[in-house]
Amino acid sequence: MSLHSRTDYTKGALDESAVAEGPWALLEQWVKEAVDAGIPDPTAFTLNTLDAEGFPHGRIVLLRDTRDEQLVFYTNYLSEKGQDVERLGKAGATFFWPHAERQIRVRGTVARVSEAESDIYFASRPRGSQLGAWSSQQSTEAVNRKQLESQFDAESARFEGRDVPRPPHWGGYAITPEVIEFWQGRASRMHDRIVCRRKEGESTWGTVRLQP
């Protein structure tokens, strides 16, 4: 199958001055603009990890907070991605917003958020999602769909009439970026790419422009 569809990107431009004070303000601005645009899942990003054999794995997760200049997401600690993160303590994140012709790539270290923070977020989730966190043994094999539904029904019965607590195997991770790359599509594939790298042992960032 041959695919020849092309788009010439013309919706914006990006200059080094946008990250003169560091990259975080621009990252939060782009996320907010995606949210304000009303597009589906504006905080979705591809979380990239490496498995024990060195193979890369990518999956879509949702950004839930950007406090303390970290990217916070939540998952089952025993899942494939949870095991990858626990083993290496590193991950990548890629955001792509076609409506604005923008992309952000992040590489950094990963650590669990506090239990208190995970508790607060879990309590804010819909009850069905809370029950799902107890019901699914994420990334393990399922015999069939009926098995999953039976597990959910069992947890629904167990917690009937009372609040659903956070499972001990479920919670948040925070990515602390070491490298953040901003990509703005431009005409004729002459895209703007601005990379910010955290200076070793410092809270300041160095900035370079990459050729597209």
N, C-alpha and C. Protein backbone atom coordinates (compact mmCIF):
# COMPACT_ATOMS: atom_id res chain seq x y z
N MET A 1 0.85 -1.19 0.00
CA MET A 1 0.00 0.00 0.00
C MET A 1 0.89 1.24 0.00
N SER A 2 0.71 2.06 -0.99
CA SER A 2 1.50 3.28 -1.10
C SER A 2 0.68 4.46 -0.60
N LEU A 3 1.27 5.26 0.28
CA LEU A 3 0.59 6.41 0.87
C LEU A 3 1.37 7.69 0.54
N HIS A 4 0.71 8.60 -0.15
CA HIS A 4 1.41 9.81 -0.61
C HIS A 4 0.78 11.09 -0.08
N SER A 5 -0.13 10.98 0.87
CA SER A 5 -0.76 12.19 1.40
C SER A 5 0.26 13.05 2.14
N ARG A 6 0.25 14.34 1.88
CA ARG A 6 1.20 15.26 2.52
C ARG A 6 0.48 16.52 2.98
N THR A 7 0.98 17.10 4.04
CA THR A 7 0.47 18.38 4.54
C THR A 7 1.62 19.36 4.63
N ASP A 8 1.44 20.55 4.11
CA ASP A 8 2.46 21.59 4.25
C ASP A 8 2.10 22.41 5.48
N TYR A 9 2.96 22.41 6.48
CA TYR A 9 2.64 23.02 7.77
C TYR A 9 2.87 24.53 7.72
N THR A 10 1.83 25.27 8.07
CA THR A 10 1.90 26.74 7.92
C THR A 10 1.26 27.50 9.09
N LYS A 11 0.98 26.80 10.20
CA LYS A 11 0.17 27.43 11.25
C LYS A 11 0.97 28.17 12.32
N GLY A 12 2.28 28.11 12.28
CA GLY A 12 3.02 28.79 13.34
C GLY A 12 4.50 28.84 13.08
N ALA A 13 5.20 29.46 14.04
CA ALA A 13 6.66 29.55 14.01
C ALA A 13 7.15 29.50 15.45
N LEU A 14 8.41 29.15 15.62
CA LEU A 14 8.98 29.02 16.95
C LEU A 14 10.38 29.59 16.96
N ASP A 15 10.62 30.52 17.90
CA ASP A 15 11.93 31.16 18.02
C ASP A 15 12.54 30.84 19.38
N GLU A 16 13.85 30.92 19.47
CA GLU A 16 14.54 30.65 20.72
C GLU A 16 14.08 31.54 21.86
N SER A 17 13.58 32.71 21.55
CA SER A 17 13.12 33.63 22.60
C SER A 17 11.96 33.05 23.40
N ALA A 18 11.23 32.08 22.82
CA ALA A 18 10.09 31.47 23.51
C ALA A 18 10.51 30.67 24.72
N VAL A 19 11.78 30.24 24.77
CA VAL A 19 12.27 29.46 25.91
C VAL A 19 13.41 30.17 26.62
N ALA A 20 13.47 31.47 26.47
CA ALA A 20 14.57 32.24 27.06
C ALA A 20 14.63 32.08 28.58
N GLU A 21 13.49 31.92 29.21
CA GLU A 21 13.44 31.76 30.67
C GLU A 21 13.36 30.30 31.08
N GLY A 22 13.60 29.41 30.15
CA GLY A 22 13.47 27.98 30.42
C GLY A 22 12.29 27.41 29.67
N PRO A 23 12.23 26.08 29.54
CA PRO A 23 11.22 25.46 28.69
C PRO A 23 9.87 25.24 29.34
N TRP A 24 9.78 25.31 30.66
CA TRP A 24 8.56 24.82 31.30
C TRP A 24 7.34 25.69 31.00
N ALA A 25 7.54 26.99 30.97
CA ALA A 25 6.40 27.88 30.70
C ALA A 25 5.82 27.60 29.32
N LEU A 26 6.68 27.33 28.33
CA LEU A 26 6.19 27.05 26.99
C LEU A 26 5.50 25.70 26.94
N LEU A 27 6.03 24.70 27.64
CA LEU A 27 5.36 23.40 27.68
C LEU A 27 3.95 23.53 28.24
N GLU A 28 3.83 24.21 29.37
CA GLU A 28 2.50 24.37 29.97
C GLU A 28 1.58 25.20 29.07
N GLN A 29 2.15 26.19 28.37
CA GLN A 29 1.34 27.01 27.46
C GLN A 29 0.78 26.16 26.33
N TRP A 30 1.62 25.31 25.74
CA TRP A 30 1.15 24.49 24.63
C TRP A 30 0.11 23.48 25.09
N VAL A 31 0.30 22.91 26.27
CA VAL A 31 -0.71 21.99 26.80
C VAL A 31 -2.03 22.72 27.02
N LYS A 32 -1.96 23.91 27.64
CA LYS A 32 -3.18 24.69 27.91
C LYS A 32 -3.88 25.06 26.61
N GLU A 33 -3.13 25.45 25.60
CA GLU A 33 -3.74 25.83 24.33
C GLU A 33 -4.42 24.63 23.67
N ALA A 34 -3.85 23.44 23.85
CA ALA A 34 -4.49 22.24 23.32
C ALA A 34 -5.80 21.96 24.06
N VAL A 35 -5.78 22.12 25.39
CA VAL A 35 -7.00 21.94 26.18
C VAL A 35 -8.06 22.95 25.76
N ASP A 36 -7.66 24.21 25.65
CA ASP A 36 -8.60 25.27 25.29
C ASP A 36 -9.16 25.10 23.88
N ALA A 37 -8.42 24.41 23.01
CA ALA A 37 -8.88 24.21 21.63
C ALA A 37 -10.03 23.22 21.54
N GLY A 38 -10.26 22.47 22.63
CA GLY A 38 -11.38 21.55 22.65
C GLY A 38 -11.18 20.28 21.84
N ILE A 39 -9.94 19.93 21.55
CA ILE A 39 -9.68 18.70 20.80
C ILE A 39 -9.84 17.49 21.71
N PRO A 40 -10.06 16.30 21.17
CA PRO A 40 -10.16 15.10 22.01
C PRO A 40 -8.83 14.78 22.69
N ASP A 41 -8.91 14.42 23.97
CA ASP A 41 -7.73 14.01 24.74
C ASP A 41 -6.52 14.91 24.52
N PRO A 42 -6.62 16.17 24.84
CA PRO A 42 -5.52 17.11 24.57
C PRO A 42 -4.28 16.84 25.40
N THR A 43 -4.40 16.10 26.51
CA THR A 43 -3.23 15.82 27.35
C THR A 43 -2.63 14.45 27.08
N ALA A 44 -3.09 13.77 26.04
CA ALA A 44 -2.56 12.44 25.73
C ALA A 44 -1.13 12.54 25.22
N PHE A 45 -0.30 11.61 25.67
CA PHE A 45 1.06 11.55 25.14
C PHE A 45 1.51 10.09 25.06
N THR A 46 2.50 9.85 24.21
CA THR A 46 3.08 8.52 24.09
C THR A 46 4.18 8.37 25.14
N LEU A 47 4.01 7.41 26.03
CA LEU A 47 5.02 7.10 27.03
C LEU A 47 5.92 6.01 26.46
N ASN A 48 7.20 6.29 26.38
CA ASN A 48 8.16 5.35 25.80
C ASN A 48 9.07 4.78 26.89
N THR A 49 9.18 3.45 26.92
CA THR A 49 10.04 2.77 27.87
C THR A 49 10.82 1.68 27.16
N LEU A 50 11.80 1.10 27.87
CA LEU A 50 12.55 -0.04 27.36
C LEU A 50 12.28 -1.25 28.23
N ASP A 51 12.06 -2.41 27.58
CA ASP A 51 11.84 -3.62 28.37
C ASP A 51 13.18 -4.24 28.77
N ALA A 52 13.13 -5.38 29.45
CA ALA A 52 14.33 -6.01 29.98
C ALA A 52 15.27 -6.47 28.88
N GLU A 53 14.76 -6.66 27.65
CA GLU A 53 15.58 -7.09 26.52
C GLU A 53 16.05 -5.92 25.68
N GLY A 54 15.72 -4.69 26.10
CA GLY A 54 16.15 -3.51 25.37
C GLY A 54 15.25 -3.08 24.24
N PHE A 55 14.06 -3.71 24.12
CA PHE A 55 13.12 -3.32 23.09
C PHE A 55 12.30 -2.12 23.56
N PRO A 56 12.05 -1.14 22.68
CA PRO A 56 11.23 0.01 23.06
C PRO A 56 9.75 -0.34 23.03
N HIS A 57 9.02 0.26 23.94
CA HIS A 57 7.57 0.11 23.98
C HIS A 57 6.95 1.50 24.10
N GLY A 58 5.92 1.76 23.32
CA GLY A 58 5.20 3.03 23.41
C GLY A 58 3.73 2.76 23.60
N ARG A 59 3.10 3.59 24.43
CA ARG A 59 1.65 3.51 24.62
C ARG A 59 1.14 4.90 25.02
N ILE A 60 -0.14 5.14 24.78
CA ILE A 60 -0.72 6.44 25.07
C ILE A 60 -1.22 6.47 26.51
N VAL A 61 -0.80 7.49 27.24
CA VAL A 61 -1.31 7.74 28.60
C VAL A 61 -1.74 9.21 28.66
N LEU A 62 -2.34 9.58 29.77
CA LEU A 62 -2.84 10.96 29.93
C LEU A 62 -2.02 11.71 30.96
N LEU A 63 -1.60 12.91 30.61
CA LEU A 63 -0.94 13.81 31.54
C LEU A 63 -1.96 14.32 32.54
N ARG A 64 -1.65 14.18 33.84
CA ARG A 64 -2.60 14.57 34.87
C ARG A 64 -2.15 15.78 35.69
N ASP A 65 -0.87 16.15 35.62
CA ASP A 65 -0.41 17.32 36.35
C ASP A 65 0.96 17.72 35.82
N THR A 66 1.32 18.99 36.02
CA THR A 66 2.64 19.48 35.64
C THR A 66 3.28 20.22 36.81
N ARG A 67 2.97 19.77 38.04
CA ARG A 67 3.49 20.48 39.20
C ARG A 67 4.99 20.22 39.37
N ASP A 68 5.68 21.23 39.95
CA ASP A 68 7.12 21.11 40.24
C ASP A 68 7.94 20.79 39.00
N GLU A 69 7.47 21.27 37.84
CA GLU A 69 8.16 21.05 36.57
C GLU A 69 8.38 19.56 36.30
N GLN A 70 7.34 18.78 36.57
CA GLN A 70 7.35 17.35 36.29
C GLN A 70 6.06 16.98 35.55
N LEU A 71 6.13 15.90 34.78
CA LEU A 71 4.96 15.37 34.10
C LEU A 71 4.43 14.20 34.91
N VAL A 72 3.19 14.31 35.39
CA VAL A 72 2.63 13.28 36.26
C VAL A 72 1.56 12.48 35.52
N PHE A 73 1.69 11.15 35.58
CA PHE A 73 0.67 10.27 35.04
C PHE A 73 0.45 9.13 36.03
N TYR A 74 -0.63 8.38 35.83
CA TYR A 74 -1.00 7.32 36.77
C TYR A 74 -1.19 6.00 36.04
N THR A 75 -0.86 4.91 36.73
CA THR A 75 -0.98 3.60 36.12
C THR A 75 -0.91 2.51 37.18
N ASN A 76 -1.01 1.27 36.73
CA ASN A 76 -0.80 0.10 37.57
C ASN A 76 0.70 -0.13 37.65
N TYR A 77 1.25 -0.15 38.86
CA TYR A 77 2.69 -0.33 39.03
C TYR A 77 3.18 -1.68 38.50
N LEU A 78 2.28 -2.67 38.44
CA LEU A 78 2.64 -4.01 38.01
C LEU A 78 2.48 -4.21 36.51
N SER A 79 2.00 -3.19 35.80
CA SER A 79 1.82 -3.28 34.36
C SER A 79 3.16 -3.32 33.65
N GLU A 80 3.11 -3.56 32.35
CA GLU A 80 4.34 -3.57 31.55
C GLU A 80 5.11 -2.26 31.70
N LYS A 81 4.41 -1.14 31.55
CA LYS A 81 5.10 0.14 31.66
C LYS A 81 5.59 0.40 33.07
N GLY A 82 4.80 -0.04 34.07
CA GLY A 82 5.24 0.13 35.44
C GLY A 82 6.51 -0.65 35.73
N GLN A 83 6.60 -1.87 35.23
CA GLN A 83 7.80 -2.68 35.43
C GLN A 83 9.00 -2.07 34.72
N ASP A 84 8.78 -1.55 33.50
CA ASP A 84 9.87 -0.89 32.78
C ASP A 84 10.40 0.31 33.55
N VAL A 85 9.48 1.12 34.06
CA VAL A 85 9.87 2.32 34.80
C VAL A 85 10.60 1.95 36.09
N GLU A 86 10.07 0.96 36.80
CA GLU A 86 10.70 0.56 38.06
C GLU A 86 12.12 0.03 37.82
N ARG A 87 12.33 -0.64 36.70
CA ARG A 87 13.63 -1.24 36.43
C ARG A 87 14.69 -0.20 36.07
N LEU A 88 14.34 0.76 35.21
CA LEU A 88 15.34 1.71 34.70
C LEU A 88 15.24 3.10 35.31
N GLY A 89 14.04 3.48 35.75
CA GLY A 89 13.86 4.82 36.28
C GLY A 89 13.99 5.92 35.24
N LYS A 90 13.77 5.55 33.96
CA LYS A 90 13.86 6.52 32.87
C LYS A 90 12.72 6.28 31.90
N ALA A 91 12.31 7.33 31.18
CA ALA A 91 11.24 7.20 30.19
C ALA A 91 11.26 8.40 29.26
N GLY A 92 10.53 8.26 28.16
CA GLY A 92 10.34 9.36 27.24
C GLY A 92 8.86 9.66 27.08
N ALA A 93 8.54 10.89 26.72
CA ALA A 93 7.16 11.30 26.50
C ALA A 93 7.10 12.11 25.20
N THR A 94 6.11 11.80 24.36
CA THR A 94 5.93 12.54 23.11
C THR A 94 4.49 13.01 22.99
N PHE A 95 4.32 14.32 22.90
CA PHE A 95 3.01 14.93 22.64
C PHE A 95 2.96 15.33 21.17
N PHE A 96 1.79 15.16 20.55
CA PHE A 96 1.60 15.63 19.17
C PHE A 96 0.21 16.21 19.04
N TRP A 97 0.15 17.46 18.60
CA TRP A 97 -1.11 18.17 18.42
C TRP A 97 -1.25 18.57 16.94
N PRO A 98 -1.86 17.70 16.12
CA PRO A 98 -1.96 18.00 14.69
C PRO A 98 -2.68 19.31 14.40
N HIS A 99 -3.67 19.67 15.24
CA HIS A 99 -4.45 20.88 14.96
C HIS A 99 -3.56 22.12 14.98
N ALA A 100 -2.48 22.10 15.77
CA ALA A 100 -1.58 23.24 15.89
C ALA A 100 -0.24 22.99 15.21
N GLU A 101 -0.08 21.77 14.65
CA GLU A 101 1.18 21.37 13.99
C GLU A 101 2.35 21.51 14.96
N ARG A 102 2.16 20.94 16.16
CA ARG A 102 3.16 21.02 17.22
C ARG A 102 3.46 19.65 17.81
N GLN A 103 4.68 19.53 18.30
CA GLN A 103 5.11 18.30 18.97
C GLN A 103 6.08 18.68 20.10
N ILE A 104 6.00 17.94 21.19
CA ILE A 104 6.99 18.06 22.26
C ILE A 104 7.52 16.67 22.57
N ARG A 105 8.85 16.56 22.65
CA ARG A 105 9.48 15.31 23.07
C ARG A 105 10.25 15.56 24.37
N VAL A 106 10.11 14.62 25.30
CA VAL A 106 10.74 14.74 26.61
C VAL A 106 11.50 13.46 26.91
N ARG A 107 12.69 13.59 27.50
CA ARG A 107 13.42 12.46 28.06
C ARG A 107 13.78 12.82 29.50
N GLY A 108 13.62 11.85 30.41
CA GLY A 108 13.94 12.18 31.79
C GLY A 108 13.91 10.99 32.71
N THR A 109 14.10 11.28 33.98
CA THR A 109 14.05 10.26 35.01
C THR A 109 12.64 10.18 35.57
N VAL A 110 12.30 9.02 36.15
CA VAL A 110 10.94 8.78 36.62
C VAL A 110 10.98 8.23 38.04
N ALA A 111 10.06 8.72 38.87
CA ALA A 111 9.92 8.21 40.24
C ALA A 111 8.45 8.25 40.63
N ARG A 112 8.08 7.42 41.59
CA ARG A 112 6.71 7.43 42.07
C ARG A 112 6.40 8.75 42.79
N VAL A 113 5.18 9.22 42.66
CA VAL A 113 4.72 10.34 43.47
C VAL A 113 4.37 9.79 44.86
N SER A 114 4.11 10.66 45.81
CA SER A 114 3.80 10.21 47.16
C SER A 114 2.48 9.44 47.20
N GLU A 115 2.34 8.59 48.20
CA GLU A 115 1.09 7.86 48.37
C GLU A 115 -0.07 8.82 48.59
N ALA A 116 0.19 9.91 49.32
CA ALA A 116 -0.86 10.89 49.58
C ALA A 116 -1.35 11.52 48.28
N GLU A 117 -0.43 11.84 47.38
CA GLU A 117 -0.81 12.44 46.10
C GLU A 117 -1.60 11.44 45.26
N SER A 118 -1.16 10.18 45.26
CA SER A 118 -1.90 9.15 44.53
C SER A 118 -3.29 8.95 45.11
N ASP A 119 -3.41 8.99 46.44
CA ASP A 119 -4.71 8.84 47.09
C ASP A 119 -5.68 9.94 46.66
N ILE A 120 -5.18 11.17 46.64
CA ILE A 120 -6.02 12.31 46.27
C ILE A 120 -6.52 12.17 44.83
N TYR A 121 -5.62 11.81 43.92
CA TYR A 121 -6.04 11.68 42.54
C TYR A 121 -7.01 10.51 42.38
N PHE A 122 -6.72 9.39 43.02
CA PHE A 122 -7.58 8.22 42.88
C PHE A 122 -8.99 8.52 43.35
N ALA A 123 -9.11 9.29 44.43
CA ALA A 123 -10.42 9.64 44.98
C ALA A 123 -11.22 10.50 44.01
N SER A 124 -10.54 11.19 43.10
CA SER A 124 -11.23 12.07 42.15
C SER A 124 -11.73 11.32 40.91
N ARG A 125 -11.33 10.06 40.74
CA ARG A 125 -11.71 9.30 39.55
C ARG A 125 -13.16 8.83 39.64
N PRO A 126 -13.81 8.61 38.48
CA PRO A 126 -15.15 8.01 38.51
C PRO A 126 -15.11 6.64 39.19
N ARG A 127 -16.21 6.28 39.82
CA ARG A 127 -16.24 5.02 40.56
C ARG A 127 -15.91 3.82 39.64
N GLY A 128 -16.40 3.86 38.41
CA GLY A 128 -16.11 2.77 37.50
C GLY A 128 -14.62 2.61 37.24
N SER A 129 -13.91 3.73 37.11
CA SER A 129 -12.47 3.67 36.91
C SER A 129 -11.76 3.16 38.16
N GLN A 130 -12.28 3.55 39.34
CA GLN A 130 -11.71 3.04 40.59
C GLN A 130 -11.86 1.52 40.67
N LEU A 131 -13.04 1.02 40.33
CA LEU A 131 -13.25 -0.43 40.35
C LEU A 131 -12.39 -1.13 39.30
N GLY A 132 -12.21 -0.48 38.16
CA GLY A 132 -11.37 -1.06 37.13
C GLY A 132 -9.93 -1.24 37.57
N ALA A 133 -9.45 -0.32 38.40
CA ALA A 133 -8.07 -0.44 38.90
C ALA A 133 -7.89 -1.67 39.77
N TRP A 134 -8.94 -2.06 40.49
CA TRP A 134 -8.90 -3.28 41.29
C TRP A 134 -9.13 -4.52 40.42
N SER A 135 -9.92 -4.38 39.37
CA SER A 135 -10.38 -5.54 38.61
C SER A 135 -9.36 -6.07 37.63
N SER A 136 -8.55 -5.19 37.04
CA SER A 136 -7.65 -5.60 35.96
C SER A 136 -6.26 -5.89 36.47
N GLN A 137 -5.76 -7.07 36.15
CA GLN A 137 -4.36 -7.41 36.39
C GLN A 137 -3.59 -7.00 35.13
N GLN A 138 -3.37 -5.70 35.02
CA GLN A 138 -2.94 -5.08 33.77
C GLN A 138 -1.70 -5.74 33.17
N SER A 139 -1.76 -5.98 31.87
CA SER A 139 -0.69 -6.54 31.05
C SER A 139 -0.53 -8.05 31.18
N THR A 140 -1.32 -8.70 32.03
CA THR A 140 -1.28 -10.17 32.09
C THR A 140 -2.32 -10.73 31.12
N GLU A 141 -2.19 -12.01 30.78
CA GLU A 141 -3.10 -12.62 29.81
C GLU A 141 -4.49 -12.83 30.40
N ALA A 142 -5.50 -12.64 29.54
CA ALA A 142 -6.89 -12.90 29.93
C ALA A 142 -7.41 -14.07 29.10
N VAL A 143 -8.15 -14.94 29.75
CA VAL A 143 -8.72 -16.08 29.04
C VAL A 143 -9.69 -15.60 27.97
N ASN A 144 -10.56 -14.68 28.35
CA ASN A 144 -11.55 -14.12 27.43
C ASN A 144 -12.15 -12.88 28.08
N ARG A 145 -13.06 -12.24 27.36
CA ARG A 145 -13.71 -11.03 27.86
C ARG A 145 -14.55 -11.34 29.10
N LYS A 146 -15.16 -12.52 29.13
CA LYS A 146 -16.01 -12.88 30.27
C LYS A 146 -15.22 -12.89 31.57
N GLN A 147 -13.95 -13.30 31.51
CA GLN A 147 -13.12 -13.29 32.71
C GLN A 147 -12.98 -11.87 33.26
N LEU A 148 -12.73 -10.91 32.36
CA LEU A 148 -12.59 -9.52 32.78
C LEU A 148 -13.88 -9.00 33.42
N GLU A 149 -14.99 -9.31 32.79
CA GLU A 149 -16.27 -8.84 33.31
C GLU A 149 -16.59 -9.48 34.66
N SER A 150 -16.21 -10.73 34.84
CA SER A 150 -16.43 -11.40 36.12
C SER A 150 -15.58 -10.77 37.22
N GLN A 151 -14.35 -10.42 36.88
CA GLN A 151 -13.48 -9.76 37.86
C GLN A 151 -14.06 -8.41 38.26
N PHE A 152 -14.58 -7.66 37.28
CA PHE A 152 -15.17 -6.36 37.59
C PHE A 152 -16.41 -6.53 38.46
N ASP A 153 -17.25 -7.49 38.13
CA ASP A 153 -18.46 -7.73 38.92
C ASP A 153 -18.11 -8.11 40.35
N ALA A 154 -17.06 -8.89 40.52
CA ALA A 154 -16.65 -9.31 41.86
C ALA A 154 -16.19 -8.12 42.69
N GLU A 155 -15.43 -7.22 42.08
CA GLU A 155 -14.96 -6.04 42.81
C GLU A 155 -16.11 -5.08 43.09
N SER A 156 -17.04 -4.97 42.16
CA SER A 156 -18.21 -4.13 42.39
C SER A 156 -19.00 -4.62 43.60
N ALA A 157 -19.14 -5.93 43.71
CA ALA A 157 -19.86 -6.49 44.85
C ALA A 157 -19.09 -6.29 46.14
N ARG A 158 -17.76 -6.43 46.08
CA ARG A 158 -16.94 -6.30 47.29
C ARG A 158 -17.02 -4.90 47.89
N PHE A 159 -17.09 -3.88 47.03
CA PHE A 159 -17.09 -2.50 47.52
C PHE A 159 -18.48 -1.87 47.50
N GLU A 160 -19.51 -2.66 47.31
CA GLU A 160 -20.87 -2.12 47.25
C GLU A 160 -21.20 -1.37 48.54
N GLY A 161 -21.70 -0.15 48.39
CA GLY A 161 -22.13 0.63 49.53
C GLY A 161 -21.03 1.35 50.29
N ARG A 162 -19.80 1.30 49.78
CA ARG A 162 -18.71 2.01 50.46
C ARG A 162 -17.72 2.57 49.45
N ASP A 163 -16.90 3.49 49.92
CA ASP A 163 -15.90 4.10 49.05
C ASP A 163 -14.88 3.06 48.59
N VAL A 164 -14.34 3.29 47.39
CA VAL A 164 -13.32 2.39 46.84
C VAL A 164 -11.94 2.97 47.16
N PRO A 165 -11.13 2.28 47.95
CA PRO A 165 -9.80 2.80 48.27
C PRO A 165 -8.84 2.58 47.10
N ARG A 166 -7.73 3.28 47.12
CA ARG A 166 -6.72 3.09 46.08
C ARG A 166 -6.00 1.76 46.28
N PRO A 167 -5.88 0.96 45.22
CA PRO A 167 -5.12 -0.29 45.34
C PRO A 167 -3.64 0.01 45.61
N PRO A 168 -2.97 -0.80 46.40
CA PRO A 168 -1.55 -0.55 46.67
C PRO A 168 -0.67 -0.67 45.44
N HIS A 169 -1.17 -1.36 44.40
CA HIS A 169 -0.38 -1.53 43.18
C HIS A 169 -0.68 -0.46 42.13
N TRP A 170 -1.38 0.58 42.51
CA TRP A 170 -1.80 1.61 41.54
C TRP A 170 -1.41 2.99 42.08
N GLY A 171 -0.86 3.84 41.20
CA GLY A 171 -0.51 5.18 41.66
C GLY A 171 0.19 5.99 40.58
N GLY A 172 0.80 7.06 41.00
CA GLY A 172 1.36 8.01 40.05
C GLY A 172 2.87 7.92 39.89
N TYR A 173 3.32 8.34 38.72
CA TYR A 173 4.73 8.53 38.42
C TYR A 173 4.94 9.97 37.97
N ALA A 174 6.11 10.50 38.26
CA ALA A 174 6.48 11.84 37.81
C ALA A 174 7.75 11.76 36.98
N ILE A 175 7.69 12.29 35.77
CA ILE A 175 8.86 12.37 34.90
C ILE A 175 9.52 13.72 35.13
N THR A 176 10.80 13.70 35.52
CA THR A 176 11.58 14.92 35.65
C THR A 176 12.43 15.07 34.39
N PRO A 177 12.10 16.02 33.52
CA PRO A 177 12.78 16.09 32.22
C PRO A 177 14.25 16.48 32.34
N GLU A 178 15.05 15.83 31.53
CA GLU A 178 16.44 16.21 31.32
C GLU A 178 16.59 16.91 29.97
N VAL A 179 15.75 16.52 29.01
CA VAL A 179 15.76 17.12 27.68
C VAL A 179 14.31 17.35 27.24
N ILE A 180 14.03 18.54 26.72
CA ILE A 180 12.71 18.86 26.17
C ILE A 180 12.92 19.47 24.79
N GLU A 181 12.29 18.86 23.78
CA GLU A 181 12.38 19.39 22.43
C GLU A 181 11.01 19.87 21.97
N PHE A 182 10.96 21.11 21.49
CA PHE A 182 9.75 21.69 20.93
C PHE A 182 9.87 21.69 19.41
N TRP A 183 8.82 21.21 18.76
CA TRP A 183 8.78 21.12 17.29
C TRP A 183 7.56 21.87 16.80
N GLN A 184 7.78 22.83 15.92
CA GLN A 184 6.69 23.55 15.27
C GLN A 184 6.80 23.33 13.78
N GLY A 185 5.75 22.76 13.18
CA GLY A 185 5.77 22.53 11.75
C GLY A 185 5.88 23.82 10.96
N ARG A 186 6.67 23.78 9.88
CA ARG A 186 6.83 24.94 9.00
C ARG A 186 6.71 24.48 7.55
N ALA A 187 6.49 25.43 6.66
CA ALA A 187 6.33 25.12 5.24
C ALA A 187 7.60 24.49 4.65
N SER A 188 7.41 23.67 3.63
CA SER A 188 8.50 23.04 2.89
C SER A 188 9.38 22.15 3.76
N ARG A 189 8.80 21.63 4.85
CA ARG A 189 9.51 20.75 5.78
C ARG A 189 10.69 21.43 6.46
N MET A 190 10.71 22.75 6.50
CA MET A 190 11.76 23.49 7.19
C MET A 190 11.28 23.82 8.60
N HIS A 191 11.03 22.77 9.37
CA HIS A 191 10.41 22.90 10.68
C HIS A 191 11.34 23.59 11.68
N ASP A 192 10.72 24.18 12.71
CA ASP A 192 11.47 24.74 13.83
C ASP A 192 11.63 23.66 14.90
N ARG A 193 12.86 23.42 15.32
CA ARG A 193 13.15 22.46 16.41
C ARG A 193 14.07 23.15 17.41
N ILE A 194 13.54 23.37 18.60
CA ILE A 194 14.30 23.99 19.69
C ILE A 194 14.45 22.97 20.81
N VAL A 195 15.68 22.66 21.19
CA VAL A 195 15.96 21.67 22.22
C VAL A 195 16.53 22.35 23.46
N CYS A 196 15.96 22.02 24.60
CA CYS A 196 16.44 22.51 25.89
C CYS A 196 17.00 21.34 26.69
N ARG A 197 18.25 21.45 27.13
CA ARG A 197 18.90 20.41 27.92
C ARG A 197 19.26 20.96 29.29
N ARG A 198 18.87 20.23 30.32
CA ARG A 198 19.20 20.65 31.67
C ARG A 198 20.71 20.55 31.88
N LYS A 199 21.29 21.62 32.39
CA LYS A 199 22.72 21.60 32.65
C LYS A 199 23.02 20.73 33.87
N GLU A 200 24.07 19.92 33.76
CA GLU A 200 24.38 18.94 34.79
C GLU A 200 24.57 19.59 36.14
N GLY A 201 23.82 19.09 37.13
CA GLY A 201 23.94 19.59 38.48
C GLY A 201 23.33 20.96 38.71
N GLU A 202 22.57 21.46 37.72
CA GLU A 202 21.99 22.80 37.82
C GLU A 202 20.50 22.75 37.52
N SER A 203 19.83 23.85 37.85
CA SER A 203 18.41 23.97 37.52
C SER A 203 18.20 24.79 36.26
N THR A 204 19.29 25.23 35.64
CA THR A 204 19.19 26.02 34.41
C THR A 204 19.28 25.11 33.19
N TRP A 205 18.92 25.69 32.04
CA TRP A 205 18.84 24.93 30.79
C TRP A 205 19.69 25.57 29.71
N GLY A 206 20.27 24.73 28.88
CA GLY A 206 20.92 25.20 27.66
C GLY A 206 19.98 24.99 26.49
N THR A 207 20.07 25.86 25.49
CA THR A 207 19.14 25.81 24.36
C THR A 207 19.89 25.80 23.05
N VAL A 208 19.47 24.92 22.14
CA VAL A 208 20.04 24.88 20.80
C VAL A 208 18.92 24.71 19.80
N ARG A 209 19.18 25.12 18.57
CA ARG A 209 18.26 24.88 17.46
C ARG A 209 18.81 23.72 16.64
N LEU A 210 17.93 22.78 16.31
CA LEU A 210 18.32 21.65 15.46
C LEU A 210 17.78 21.85 14.04
N GLN A 211 18.53 21.35 13.08
CA GLN A 211 18.04 21.35 11.71
C GLN A 211 16.90 20.33 11.59
N PRO A 212 15.93 20.62 10.74
CA PRO A 212 14.77 19.72 10.65
C PRO A 212 15.06 18.44 9.89
